[in-house]
N, C-alpha and C. Protein backbone atom coordinates (compact mmCIF):
# COMPACT_ATOMS: atom_id res chain seq x y z
N MET A 1 0.84 -1.19 0.00
CA MET A 1 0.00 0.00 0.00
C MET A 1 0.88 1.25 0.00
N ASP A 2 0.25 2.34 -0.35
CA ASP A 2 0.95 3.61 -0.53
C ASP A 2 1.11 4.35 0.79
N GLY A 3 2.32 4.76 1.11
CA GLY A 3 2.60 5.48 2.35
C GLY A 3 2.41 6.98 2.24
N THR A 4 1.93 7.48 1.09
CA THR A 4 1.72 8.92 0.94
C THR A 4 0.32 9.35 1.32
N ASN A 5 -0.56 8.40 1.60
CA ASN A 5 -1.95 8.70 1.95
C ASN A 5 -2.18 8.35 3.43
N ARG A 6 -2.53 9.35 4.24
CA ARG A 6 -2.69 9.17 5.69
C ARG A 6 -3.77 8.14 6.03
N ALA A 7 -4.81 8.03 5.20
CA ALA A 7 -5.92 7.11 5.47
C ALA A 7 -5.47 5.66 5.44
N ASN A 8 -4.37 5.35 4.77
CA ASN A 8 -3.87 3.97 4.68
C ASN A 8 -3.11 3.54 5.93
N ILE A 9 -2.73 4.50 6.78
CA ILE A 9 -1.84 4.21 7.91
C ILE A 9 -2.64 4.25 9.21
N LYS A 10 -2.54 3.18 9.98
CA LYS A 10 -3.23 3.09 11.27
C LYS A 10 -2.19 2.83 12.36
N ILE A 11 -2.49 3.28 13.56
CA ILE A 11 -1.62 2.97 14.70
C ILE A 11 -1.62 1.46 14.88
N GLY A 12 -0.44 0.89 15.02
CA GLY A 12 -0.30 -0.56 15.12
C GLY A 12 0.05 -1.22 13.81
N SER A 13 0.05 -0.46 12.70
CA SER A 13 0.41 -1.02 11.39
C SER A 13 1.91 -1.27 11.31
N ARG A 14 2.29 -2.36 10.63
CA ARG A 14 3.71 -2.63 10.37
C ARG A 14 4.08 -1.93 9.07
N VAL A 15 5.13 -1.09 9.15
CA VAL A 15 5.50 -0.26 7.99
C VAL A 15 7.02 -0.27 7.80
N LEU A 16 7.43 0.18 6.62
CA LEU A 16 8.83 0.46 6.32
C LEU A 16 8.95 1.97 6.18
N VAL A 17 9.87 2.58 6.93
CA VAL A 17 10.07 4.03 6.87
C VAL A 17 11.51 4.34 6.48
N VAL A 18 11.69 5.54 5.95
CA VAL A 18 13.03 6.05 5.71
C VAL A 18 13.26 7.19 6.70
N LYS A 19 14.33 7.07 7.50
CA LYS A 19 14.67 8.12 8.45
C LYS A 19 15.30 9.28 7.69
N LYS A 20 15.26 10.48 8.27
CA LYS A 20 15.78 11.67 7.59
C LYS A 20 17.24 11.49 7.19
N GLU A 21 18.04 10.90 8.06
CA GLU A 21 19.46 10.74 7.76
C GLU A 21 19.73 9.69 6.68
N HIS A 22 18.72 8.91 6.34
CA HIS A 22 18.88 7.87 5.31
C HIS A 22 18.14 8.20 4.01
N GLN A 23 17.65 9.45 3.89
CA GLN A 23 16.89 9.80 2.69
C GLN A 23 17.74 9.69 1.42
N ARG A 24 19.02 10.02 1.49
CA ARG A 24 19.89 9.94 0.31
C ARG A 24 20.13 8.49 -0.12
N THR A 25 20.32 7.60 0.86
CA THR A 25 20.62 6.20 0.55
C THR A 25 19.35 5.39 0.33
N GLY A 26 18.24 5.82 0.91
CA GLY A 26 16.99 5.09 0.78
C GLY A 26 16.89 3.88 1.70
N GLN A 27 17.79 3.80 2.70
CA GLN A 27 17.76 2.68 3.64
C GLN A 27 16.47 2.70 4.44
N LEU A 28 15.78 1.55 4.49
CA LEU A 28 14.49 1.46 5.14
C LEU A 28 14.61 0.82 6.52
N THR A 29 13.74 1.24 7.42
CA THR A 29 13.67 0.70 8.77
C THR A 29 12.25 0.18 8.97
N GLU A 30 12.13 -1.05 9.48
CA GLU A 30 10.81 -1.64 9.70
C GLU A 30 10.39 -1.44 11.15
N GLY A 31 9.10 -1.21 11.35
CA GLY A 31 8.59 -1.06 12.71
C GLY A 31 7.08 -0.97 12.73
N ILE A 32 6.55 -0.75 13.92
CA ILE A 32 5.11 -0.65 14.14
C ILE A 32 4.78 0.79 14.52
N VAL A 33 3.76 1.35 13.88
CA VAL A 33 3.39 2.76 14.08
C VAL A 33 2.86 2.98 15.49
N LYS A 34 3.47 3.96 16.18
CA LYS A 34 3.04 4.36 17.51
C LYS A 34 2.22 5.65 17.43
N ARG A 35 2.68 6.61 16.59
CA ARG A 35 1.99 7.90 16.41
C ARG A 35 2.10 8.32 14.95
N ILE A 36 1.07 9.00 14.45
CA ILE A 36 1.11 9.60 13.12
C ILE A 36 1.38 11.09 13.33
N LEU A 37 2.48 11.58 12.74
CA LEU A 37 2.91 12.95 12.99
C LEU A 37 2.46 13.94 11.92
N THR A 38 2.19 13.48 10.71
CA THR A 38 1.74 14.37 9.64
C THR A 38 0.24 14.62 9.78
N ASN A 39 -0.16 15.90 9.76
CA ASN A 39 -1.58 16.24 9.91
C ASN A 39 -2.33 16.22 8.59
N SER A 40 -1.65 16.53 7.47
CA SER A 40 -2.34 16.58 6.18
C SER A 40 -2.69 15.17 5.71
N GLN A 41 -3.66 15.08 4.82
CA GLN A 41 -4.13 13.78 4.34
C GLN A 41 -3.15 13.11 3.38
N ASN A 42 -2.35 13.90 2.68
CA ASN A 42 -1.38 13.36 1.72
C ASN A 42 -0.05 14.09 1.87
N HIS A 43 1.04 13.39 1.59
CA HIS A 43 2.35 14.00 1.53
C HIS A 43 3.16 13.25 0.50
N HIS A 44 3.73 13.99 -0.46
CA HIS A 44 4.37 13.35 -1.61
C HIS A 44 5.60 12.52 -1.25
N ARG A 45 6.25 12.78 -0.11
CA ARG A 45 7.41 11.98 0.28
C ARG A 45 7.08 10.92 1.31
N GLY A 46 5.83 10.86 1.74
CA GLY A 46 5.41 9.87 2.72
C GLY A 46 4.93 10.52 4.00
N ILE A 47 3.98 9.89 4.65
CA ILE A 47 3.44 10.38 5.91
C ILE A 47 4.48 10.14 7.01
N LYS A 48 4.74 11.17 7.83
CA LYS A 48 5.72 11.05 8.90
C LYS A 48 5.08 10.37 10.10
N VAL A 49 5.75 9.35 10.62
CA VAL A 49 5.25 8.60 11.78
C VAL A 49 6.36 8.38 12.79
N MET A 50 5.95 8.05 14.02
CA MET A 50 6.89 7.60 15.05
C MET A 50 6.60 6.13 15.29
N LEU A 51 7.65 5.32 15.26
CA LEU A 51 7.51 3.89 15.50
C LEU A 51 7.55 3.61 17.00
N GLU A 52 7.23 2.38 17.39
CA GLU A 52 7.21 2.00 18.80
C GLU A 52 8.56 2.17 19.49
N ASP A 53 9.66 2.08 18.72
CA ASP A 53 11.00 2.27 19.30
C ASP A 53 11.47 3.72 19.17
N ASN A 54 10.50 4.64 18.97
CA ASN A 54 10.72 6.09 18.90
C ASN A 54 11.52 6.55 17.68
N VAL A 55 11.66 5.72 16.67
CA VAL A 55 12.27 6.13 15.40
C VAL A 55 11.23 6.94 14.64
N VAL A 56 11.65 8.09 14.08
CA VAL A 56 10.76 8.93 13.28
C VAL A 56 11.20 8.85 11.83
N GLY A 57 10.23 8.64 10.94
CA GLY A 57 10.55 8.58 9.52
C GLY A 57 9.30 8.69 8.68
N ARG A 58 9.50 8.71 7.37
CA ARG A 58 8.39 8.81 6.42
C ARG A 58 8.08 7.43 5.86
N VAL A 59 6.79 7.08 5.85
CA VAL A 59 6.34 5.76 5.43
C VAL A 59 6.58 5.58 3.92
N GLN A 60 7.30 4.53 3.58
CA GLN A 60 7.54 4.19 2.18
C GLN A 60 6.68 3.03 1.74
N GLN A 61 6.40 2.13 2.70
CA GLN A 61 5.62 0.94 2.36
C GLN A 61 4.87 0.46 3.60
N ILE A 62 3.65 -0.01 3.38
CA ILE A 62 2.84 -0.59 4.45
C ILE A 62 2.80 -2.09 4.22
N LYS A 63 3.16 -2.84 5.23
CA LYS A 63 3.23 -4.31 5.08
C LYS A 63 1.89 -4.98 5.31
């Protein structure tokens, strides 16, 4: 599923995110959504979330 649409992301969802420091390399981090940080319904680079281990990144893929 697409990580640019906020409606696709729910708290507790397993997702792949790219952290800000890994945007150039595209390295993905897997985790479970704890909080959704982006307020708008869509974001072209991905909805920003906080994972359960407090990692913050933009959703690239929803598992």
